[in-house]
Amino acid sequence: MIILPKVRGFICTTAHPSGCFENVLQQINYVKAQQGLSGSGRVLVVGASTGYGLASRISAAFGCQASTIGVSFEKAAKGKRTASAGWYNTAAFEQQAHKDGLYAKSLNGDAFSSEIKQQVIDLIKADWGQVDMVIYSLASPRRTDPTSGETYSSVLKPIGESYHNKTIDPFTSVVSEVTIDSATEQEVADTVTVMGGEDWQMWIDALRDNDLLADGFKTTAYSYIGPGLTHPIYKDGAIGMAKRHVQQTADNLNMQLSDINGSAYCAVNKAVVTQSSAAIPVVPLYIAILFKVMHELELHEDCIEQMYRLFQDYLCVATPSLDDERRIRLDDKEMQEDVQRGVEVSWQEVSSSNIESLANLEEYKDKFLQLFGFGLASVDYTVEVDPAVSIPSIPDEA
């Protein structure tokens, strides 16, 4: 069948298997072209199918020659409905890893659940004995507590007062104003439950209870801070409270792992186009302007460049350089004074009439579509493709 993008709001309801394969291959080729990294052994990536999680798995496997297990919650193709992009990405990753003789297995299901945790435990026991590293890159709007069975939802809202600023519809190029009402106390608490560090802690506890953490074990979760203009909705908003909890969890884990010479970090990443960031009002406009400024200053990085740098400069060294709150700062280039000064000037002036000159909106749209396997110059989208693609280590779920 011919597969075309169907965009609704901040999501694309279709994905292209050949395009996703090419997107993954380009990231793999980037890592292979860099200097090889010292080994990270056996790496579990929770949230491994897209964005920073996928780039982390690629960096570990093709940069460090690591064995990897990936956990994600994706949909296989069914009839004329395509699989999710993450499904195709995982299939492409496994195919290339196996081609290079690398161990790579994936589990598909709810990473918040006790069942998936047990499946991972059983797999590590059977195949590895222990794990050397866990990358926690899970982003979900909802979480079902495995103990109580209650489902919680997160919100992207400010705390205390409503927030008013500019935003954009990337596919109409219309810059408009948006007002976001403040979160209730319950919404803030629920967002921390979904997006905070509780589940990360549960993963590490479960692995440790089964004696699966190797000496020198490392674990990292991801966060974002961003510039002052997004602080009301992000850093100081409900999601920011959740990210503070992630940092607290990193600090607690770091102490708890000391007896096995282990360490836990929170890595603050740069703003990039992901399915998560596309859903946050104001942020797409900020990213489009940021792209232009960082390209002009020759500082731009995407997910794969960020994650390769994470392994090279932080996870594959004995004593990584941290900030005064013990965080890995991969957003250092984004937050440079000259970058933020350039963004601020453009932000004050930007409108629908001058968006093309002040922002890289076309690049933003291209990056968004590429998340789903579209918009890649090397792929012929007029050719019919079979949407049903299997993942070697996952039983057929189509």
Protein backbone atom coordinates (compact mmCIF):
# COMPACT_ATOMS: atom_id res chain seq x y z
CA MET A 1 0.00 0.00 0.00
CA ILE A 2 0.97 3.64 -0.45
CA ILE A 3 1.47 5.19 2.98
CA LEU A 4 1.14 8.95 3.41
CA PRO A 5 1.34 11.09 6.56
CA LYS A 6 -1.94 11.87 8.30
CA VAL A 7 -1.28 14.63 10.83
CA ARG A 8 -3.79 15.49 13.52
CA GLY A 9 -2.66 18.19 15.88
CA PHE A 10 0.68 17.13 17.36
CA ILE A 11 0.50 13.51 16.28
CA CYS A 12 0.79 11.62 13.00
CA THR A 13 -1.57 8.63 12.85
CA THR A 14 0.44 6.79 10.22
CA ALA A 15 4.06 5.70 10.01
CA HIS A 16 6.22 4.56 7.10
CA PRO A 17 8.30 1.40 7.59
CA SER A 18 10.93 2.25 4.98
CA GLY A 19 11.22 5.82 6.25
CA CYS A 20 11.60 4.69 9.86
CA PHE A 21 14.24 2.20 8.79
CA GLU A 22 16.16 4.95 6.97
CA ASN A 23 15.86 7.29 9.96
CA VAL A 24 17.32 4.62 12.27
CA LEU A 25 20.05 3.77 9.76
CA GLN A 26 21.13 7.40 9.52
CA GLN A 27 21.53 7.55 13.30
CA ILE A 28 23.48 4.29 13.32
CA ASN A 29 25.77 5.56 10.57
CA TYR A 30 26.39 8.76 12.54
CA VAL A 31 27.53 6.77 15.58
CA LYS A 32 29.67 4.44 13.48
CA ALA A 33 31.41 7.46 11.95
CA GLN A 34 32.48 8.71 15.39
CA GLN A 35 35.32 7.49 17.55
CA GLY A 36 34.49 4.18 19.20
CA LEU A 37 33.51 4.39 22.85
CA SER A 38 34.75 2.31 25.76
CA GLY A 39 32.40 -0.52 26.58
CA SER A 40 29.21 -0.19 28.59
CA GLY A 41 28.55 -3.95 28.58
CA ARG A 42 24.89 -4.86 29.04
CA VAL A 43 22.41 -1.99 28.72
CA LEU A 44 18.68 -1.94 29.43
CA VAL A 45 16.78 0.96 27.87
CA VAL A 46 13.30 1.60 29.25
CA GLY A 47 11.47 3.64 26.64
CA ALA A 48 13.68 2.58 23.74
CA SER A 49 11.67 3.05 20.57
CA THR A 50 11.78 6.76 19.73
CA GLY A 51 13.56 10.03 20.47
CA TYR A 52 16.23 10.09 23.15
CA GLY A 53 15.57 6.49 24.19
CA LEU A 54 16.15 5.15 20.69
CA ALA A 55 19.24 7.33 20.26
CA SER A 56 20.54 6.04 23.60
CA ARG A 57 20.14 2.44 22.50
CA ILE A 58 21.84 3.16 19.19
CA SER A 59 24.75 4.92 20.92
CA ALA A 60 25.20 2.06 23.39
CA ALA A 61 25.03 -0.66 20.77
CA PHE A 62 26.92 0.83 17.85
CA GLY A 63 29.21 3.13 19.85
CA CYS A 64 30.08 0.82 22.74
CA GLN A 65 29.28 -2.55 21.12
CA ALA A 66 26.94 -3.12 24.06
CA SER A 67 24.33 -5.83 24.34
CA THR A 68 20.94 -4.14 24.68
CA ILE A 69 17.43 -4.93 25.84
CA GLY A 70 14.79 -2.37 24.89
CA VAL A 71 11.38 -1.93 26.48
CA SER A 72 8.62 0.01 24.73
CA PHE A 73 4.86 -0.01 24.24
CA GLU A 74 4.15 0.02 20.51
CA LYS A 75 1.50 -1.21 18.10
CA ALA A 76 2.03 -3.67 15.27
CA ALA A 77 0.32 -3.14 11.92
CA LYS A 78 -3.24 -4.41 11.62
CA GLY A 79 -4.96 -4.58 8.26
CA LYS A 80 -4.61 -1.20 6.56
CA ARG A 81 -3.51 0.44 9.79
CA THR A 82 0.22 0.96 9.93
CA ALA A 83 2.31 0.01 12.91
CA SER A 84 3.45 2.82 15.19
CA ALA A 85 6.73 4.52 14.35
CA GLY A 86 8.32 3.02 17.44
CA TRP A 87 7.45 -0.48 16.23
CA TYR A 88 9.20 0.12 12.91
CA ASN A 89 12.15 1.79 14.66
CA THR A 90 12.62 -1.22 16.93
CA ALA A 91 12.46 -3.61 14.00
CA ALA A 92 15.08 -1.57 12.12
CA PHE A 93 17.33 -1.37 15.17
CA GLU A 94 17.24 -5.11 15.81
CA GLN A 95 17.84 -5.93 12.16
CA GLN A 96 20.95 -3.76 12.03
CA ALA A 97 22.22 -4.87 15.43
CA HIS A 98 21.92 -8.54 14.52
CA LYS A 99 23.59 -7.83 11.18
CA ASP A 100 26.57 -6.49 13.15
CA GLY A 101 26.59 -9.48 15.47
CA LEU A 102 25.25 -7.54 18.46
CA TYR A 103 22.91 -8.94 21.08
CA ALA A 104 19.57 -7.07 20.87
CA LYS A 105 16.20 -8.14 22.24
CA SER A 106 13.06 -6.09 22.77
CA LEU A 107 9.97 -6.42 24.93
CA ASN A 108 6.71 -4.77 24.01
CA GLY A 109 4.31 -3.77 26.77
CA ASP A 110 3.52 -1.36 29.57
CA ALA A 111 6.84 -0.55 31.25
CA PHE A 112 4.95 0.67 34.32
CA SER A 113 3.53 -2.80 34.89
CA SER A 114 4.89 -5.51 37.17
CA GLU A 115 4.49 -8.02 34.34
CA ILE A 116 6.95 -6.29 32.01
CA LYS A 117 9.42 -5.77 34.84
CA GLN A 118 9.28 -9.49 35.59
CA GLN A 119 9.77 -10.37 31.92
CA VAL A 120 12.89 -8.19 31.83
CA ILE A 121 14.16 -9.76 35.05
CA ASP A 122 13.67 -13.24 33.62
CA LEU A 123 15.43 -12.28 30.37
CA ILE A 124 18.42 -10.74 32.16
CA LYS A 125 18.72 -13.82 34.38
CA ALA A 126 18.61 -16.13 31.38
CA ASP A 127 20.86 -14.21 28.98
CA TRP A 128 23.09 -11.83 30.94
CA GLY A 129 23.22 -12.72 34.58
CA GLN A 130 23.48 -9.02 35.49
CA VAL A 131 23.01 -5.61 33.88
CA ASP A 132 25.62 -2.83 33.74
CA MET A 133 23.44 0.14 32.87
CA VAL A 134 19.79 1.22 32.81
CA ILE A 135 18.68 4.17 30.70
CA TYR A 136 15.25 5.38 31.79
CA SER A 137 13.66 7.35 28.95
CA LEU A 138 9.97 6.75 29.51
CA ALA A 139 7.50 9.49 28.52
CA SER A 140 3.81 8.77 28.81
CA PRO A 141 0.68 10.87 29.42
CA ARG A 142 -0.75 8.15 31.68
CA ARG A 143 0.44 5.61 34.20
CA THR A 144 -1.40 2.76 35.90
CA ASP A 145 -0.02 2.06 39.36
CA PRO A 146 0.93 -1.64 39.41
CA THR A 147 -0.01 -1.95 43.09
CA SER A 148 -3.33 -0.10 43.32
CA GLY A 149 -4.43 -0.46 39.71
CA GLU A 150 -5.37 3.23 39.63
CA THR A 151 -4.59 5.17 36.46
CA TYR A 152 -3.16 8.69 36.65
CA SER A 153 -2.85 11.32 33.90
CA SER A 154 -0.25 14.07 33.56
CA VAL A 155 -0.91 17.66 32.49
CA LEU A 156 1.14 20.37 30.80
CA LYS A 157 -0.01 23.30 32.91
CA PRO A 158 1.51 26.12 34.95
CA ILE A 159 1.19 26.28 38.73
CA GLY A 160 -0.47 29.17 40.55
CA GLU A 161 -1.40 31.43 37.65
CA SER A 162 -2.48 30.90 34.07
CA TYR A 163 0.20 31.32 31.39
CA HIS A 164 -0.14 33.44 28.26
CA ASN A 165 2.36 33.53 25.41
CA LYS A 166 2.93 32.92 21.70
CA THR A 167 2.52 29.56 20.04
CA ILE A 168 2.41 28.22 16.49
CA ASP A 169 0.65 25.70 14.31
CA PRO A 170 3.70 24.40 12.40
CA PHE A 171 1.64 23.18 9.45
CA THR A 172 -0.21 26.46 8.83
CA SER A 173 2.67 28.77 9.93
CA VAL A 174 0.18 30.77 11.99
CA VAL A 175 1.61 32.38 15.12
CA SER A 176 -1.09 33.00 17.70
CA GLU A 177 -1.61 33.61 21.40
CA VAL A 178 -2.38 30.84 23.84
CA THR A 179 -3.55 30.91 27.44
CA ILE A 180 -3.09 27.83 29.59
CA ASP A 181 -5.03 27.55 32.83
CA SER A 182 -3.15 26.63 35.98
CA ALA A 183 -3.07 23.09 37.32
CA THR A 184 -4.98 21.99 40.39
CA GLU A 185 -3.11 20.47 43.31
CA GLN A 186 -4.44 17.06 42.28
CA GLU A 187 -3.25 17.53 38.69
CA VAL A 188 0.23 18.44 39.93
CA ALA A 189 0.32 15.38 42.19
CA ASP A 190 -0.89 13.14 39.37
CA THR A 191 1.73 14.55 36.98
CA VAL A 192 4.48 13.76 39.49
CA THR A 193 3.07 10.23 39.82
CA VAL A 194 3.20 9.74 36.04
CA MET A 195 6.35 11.62 35.05
CA GLY A 196 8.36 11.65 38.28
CA GLY A 197 10.96 9.15 39.42
CA GLU A 198 8.76 6.62 41.22
CA ASP A 199 8.72 4.09 38.38
CA TRP A 200 12.46 4.54 37.75
CA GLN A 201 13.04 3.70 41.41
CA MET A 202 10.77 0.66 41.09
CA TRP A 203 12.78 -0.62 38.12
CA ILE A 204 16.08 -0.33 39.98
CA ASP A 205 14.60 -1.85 43.15
CA ALA A 206 13.22 -4.81 41.21
CA LEU A 207 16.55 -5.46 39.51
CA ARG A 208 18.47 -5.07 42.76
CA ASP A 209 16.10 -7.37 44.68
CA ASN A 210 17.00 -10.06 42.15
CA ASP A 211 20.76 -9.38 42.43
CA LEU A 212 20.94 -8.25 38.81
CA LEU A 213 22.96 -5.04 39.23
CA ALA A 214 26.62 -5.47 38.31
CA ASP A 215 29.43 -3.85 40.27
CA GLY A 216 29.89 -0.31 38.94
CA PHE A 217 26.28 -0.20 37.72
CA LYS A 218 25.09 3.13 36.26
CA THR A 219 21.62 4.47 35.60
CA THR A 220 20.38 7.68 34.01
CA ALA A 221 17.00 9.34 33.49
CA TYR A 222 16.29 12.34 31.29
CA SER A 223 15.03 15.82 32.06
CA TYR A 224 14.69 19.29 30.58
CA ILE A 225 14.91 22.80 32.01
CA GLY A 226 14.69 25.22 29.09
CA PRO A 227 14.76 29.03 28.90
CA GLY A 228 12.91 31.52 31.05
CA LEU A 229 10.12 32.00 28.53
CA THR A 230 9.01 28.37 28.93
CA HIS A 231 9.61 28.13 32.70
CA PRO A 232 5.96 28.84 33.68
CA ILE A 233 4.72 25.88 31.64
CA TYR A 234 7.74 23.61 32.04
CA LYS A 235 10.40 24.16 34.74
CA ASP A 236 8.00 25.87 37.17
CA GLY A 237 4.90 24.00 35.99
CA ALA A 238 3.42 20.61 36.79
CA ILE A 239 5.91 18.81 34.55
CA GLY A 240 8.73 20.70 36.25
CA MET A 241 7.60 19.36 39.61
CA ALA A 242 7.79 15.86 38.14
CA LYS A 243 11.30 16.51 36.84
CA ARG A 244 12.38 17.73 40.28
CA HIS A 245 11.18 14.40 41.61
CA VAL A 246 13.29 12.65 38.96
CA GLN A 247 16.36 14.53 40.23
CA GLN A 248 15.53 13.63 43.84
CA THR A 249 15.23 10.01 42.73
CA ALA A 250 18.63 10.21 41.05
CA ASP A 251 20.19 11.51 44.25
CA ASN A 252 18.51 8.82 46.37
CA LEU A 253 19.53 6.07 43.96
CA ASN A 254 23.09 7.37 43.86
CA MET A 255 23.37 6.88 47.61
CA GLN A 256 21.64 3.51 47.55
CA LEU A 257 24.00 2.20 44.86
CA SER A 258 27.20 3.17 46.65
CA ASP A 259 27.72 -0.31 48.07
CA ILE A 260 28.14 -1.71 44.54
CA ASN A 261 30.18 1.29 43.34
CA GLY A 262 27.13 2.34 41.39
CA SER A 263 25.89 5.77 40.34
CA ALA A 264 22.67 7.44 39.22
CA TYR A 265 22.31 10.63 37.21
CA CYS A 266 19.72 12.95 35.79
CA ALA A 267 20.72 14.19 32.33
CA VAL A 268 19.27 17.54 31.27
CA ASN A 269 18.90 17.38 27.50
CA LYS A 270 18.51 19.98 24.77
CA ALA A 271 15.17 20.86 23.20
CA VAL A 272 14.55 18.75 20.09
CA VAL A 273 11.50 17.69 18.10
CA THR A 274 9.95 14.64 19.75
CA GLN A 275 6.39 13.38 20.07
CA SER A 276 6.46 14.71 23.64
CA SER A 277 7.81 18.20 22.90
CA ALA A 278 5.40 18.64 19.98
CA ALA A 279 2.50 18.35 22.44
CA ILE A 280 3.57 21.30 24.62
CA PRO A 281 2.13 24.71 23.62
CA VAL A 282 4.77 27.42 23.02
CA VAL A 283 7.61 24.86 22.76
CA PRO A 284 7.35 24.16 18.97
CA LEU A 285 7.76 27.87 18.24
CA TYR A 286 10.71 28.08 20.63
CA ILE A 287 12.34 25.03 19.00
CA ALA A 288 11.91 26.42 15.47
CA ILE A 289 13.60 29.68 16.51
CA LEU A 290 16.26 27.80 18.48
CA PHE A 291 17.12 25.69 15.42
CA LYS A 292 17.84 28.80 13.38
CA VAL A 293 19.99 30.42 16.05
CA MET A 294 21.99 27.28 16.84
CA HIS A 295 22.59 26.50 13.17
CA GLU A 296 23.88 30.02 12.62
CA LEU A 297 26.27 29.58 15.55
CA GLU A 298 27.18 26.06 14.38
CA LEU A 299 26.03 24.55 17.67
CA HIS A 300 23.01 22.52 16.60
CA GLU A 301 22.57 18.95 17.87
CA ASP A 302 19.75 16.45 17.43
CA CYS A 303 18.91 13.40 19.55
CA ILE A 304 21.69 11.17 18.27
CA GLU A 305 24.43 13.80 18.66
CA GLN A 306 23.23 14.45 22.21
CA MET A 307 23.14 10.80 23.21
CA TYR A 308 26.51 9.99 21.66
CA ARG A 309 27.94 12.90 23.67
CA LEU A 310 26.22 11.57 26.79
CA PHE A 311 28.03 8.26 26.46
CA GLN A 312 31.33 9.73 25.31
CA ASP A 313 31.66 12.48 27.92
CA TYR A 314 29.66 11.17 30.87
CA LEU A 315 28.63 7.52 30.96
CA CYS A 316 31.87 6.06 29.62
CA VAL A 317 34.15 8.01 31.95
CA ALA A 318 34.96 7.33 35.60
CA THR A 319 34.13 10.77 37.00
CA PRO A 320 31.76 12.77 34.78
CA SER A 321 31.56 16.54 35.10
CA LEU A 322 28.31 17.54 36.82
CA ASP A 323 26.74 20.89 37.70
CA ASP A 324 26.28 22.13 41.27
CA GLU A 325 23.04 20.15 41.58
CA ARG A 326 24.78 16.95 40.42
CA ARG A 327 23.17 16.99 36.99
CA ILE A 328 24.59 16.13 33.57
CA ARG A 329 24.07 19.22 31.41
CA LEU A 330 23.68 18.24 27.78
CA ASP A 331 21.72 21.46 27.29
CA ASP A 332 24.91 23.47 27.80
CA LYS A 333 25.02 24.67 24.19
CA GLU A 334 21.31 25.53 24.09
CA MET A 335 21.64 27.59 27.25
CA GLN A 336 24.70 29.57 26.15
CA GLU A 337 24.16 33.30 26.59
CA ASP A 338 24.59 34.07 22.88
CA VAL A 339 22.08 31.39 21.90
CA GLN A 340 19.42 32.52 24.35
CA ARG A 341 20.00 36.18 23.49
CA GLY A 342 19.38 35.40 19.82
CA VAL A 343 16.22 33.43 20.64
CA GLU A 344 14.89 36.23 22.85
CA VAL A 345 15.32 38.87 20.15
CA SER A 346 13.50 36.75 17.57
CA TRP A 347 10.79 35.76 20.04
CA GLN A 348 9.86 39.37 20.68
CA GLU A 349 9.52 40.07 16.95
CA VAL A 350 8.08 36.83 15.56
CA SER A 351 4.66 36.78 13.94
CA SER A 352 2.88 34.94 11.14
CA SER A 353 4.23 37.46 8.63
CA ASN A 354 7.93 37.01 9.45
CA ILE A 355 8.08 33.44 10.82
CA GLU A 356 9.99 32.16 7.79
CA SER A 357 12.83 34.64 8.31
CA LEU A 358 13.09 34.29 12.09
CA ALA A 359 12.72 30.54 12.53
CA ASN A 360 13.61 27.26 10.83
CA LEU A 361 9.98 26.23 10.56
CA GLU A 362 10.58 23.96 7.57
CA GLU A 363 13.23 22.08 9.53
CA TYR A 364 10.83 21.73 12.46
CA LYS A 365 8.16 20.26 10.16
CA ASP A 366 10.71 17.97 8.50
CA LYS A 367 11.93 16.70 11.88
CA PHE A 368 8.36 16.14 13.03
CA LEU A 369 7.46 14.10 9.95
CA GLN A 370 10.72 12.16 10.18
CA LEU A 371 9.65 10.94 13.61
CA PHE A 372 7.08 8.88 11.72
CA GLY A 373 9.30 7.94 8.78
CA PHE A 374 8.18 10.66 6.36
CA GLY A 375 10.08 13.48 4.68
CA LEU A 376 13.34 11.62 4.08
CA ALA A 377 14.89 12.47 0.72
CA SER A 378 16.28 8.96 0.23
CA VAL A 379 12.85 7.28 0.47
CA ASP A 380 10.46 6.98 -2.48
CA TYR A 381 7.02 7.43 -0.95
CA THR A 382 5.25 6.58 -4.22
CA VAL A 383 6.35 2.95 -3.91
CA GLU A 384 3.93 0.50 -2.31
CA VAL A 385 5.14 -1.06 0.94
CA ASP A 386 3.86 -3.75 3.26
CA PRO A 387 2.92 -2.16 6.60
CA ALA A 388 3.34 -5.49 8.41
CA VAL A 389 6.89 -5.67 9.76
CA SER A 390 8.07 -8.17 12.34
CA ILE A 391 10.52 -7.63 15.19
CA PRO A 392 12.80 -10.69 15.51
CA SER A 393 12.68 -10.93 19.31
CA ILE A 394 8.95 -10.18 19.69
CA PRO A 395 6.30 -12.82 18.83
CA ASP A 396 4.04 -11.86 15.91
CA GLU A 397 1.36 -9.52 17.27
CA ALA A 398 -0.07 -8.37 13.98
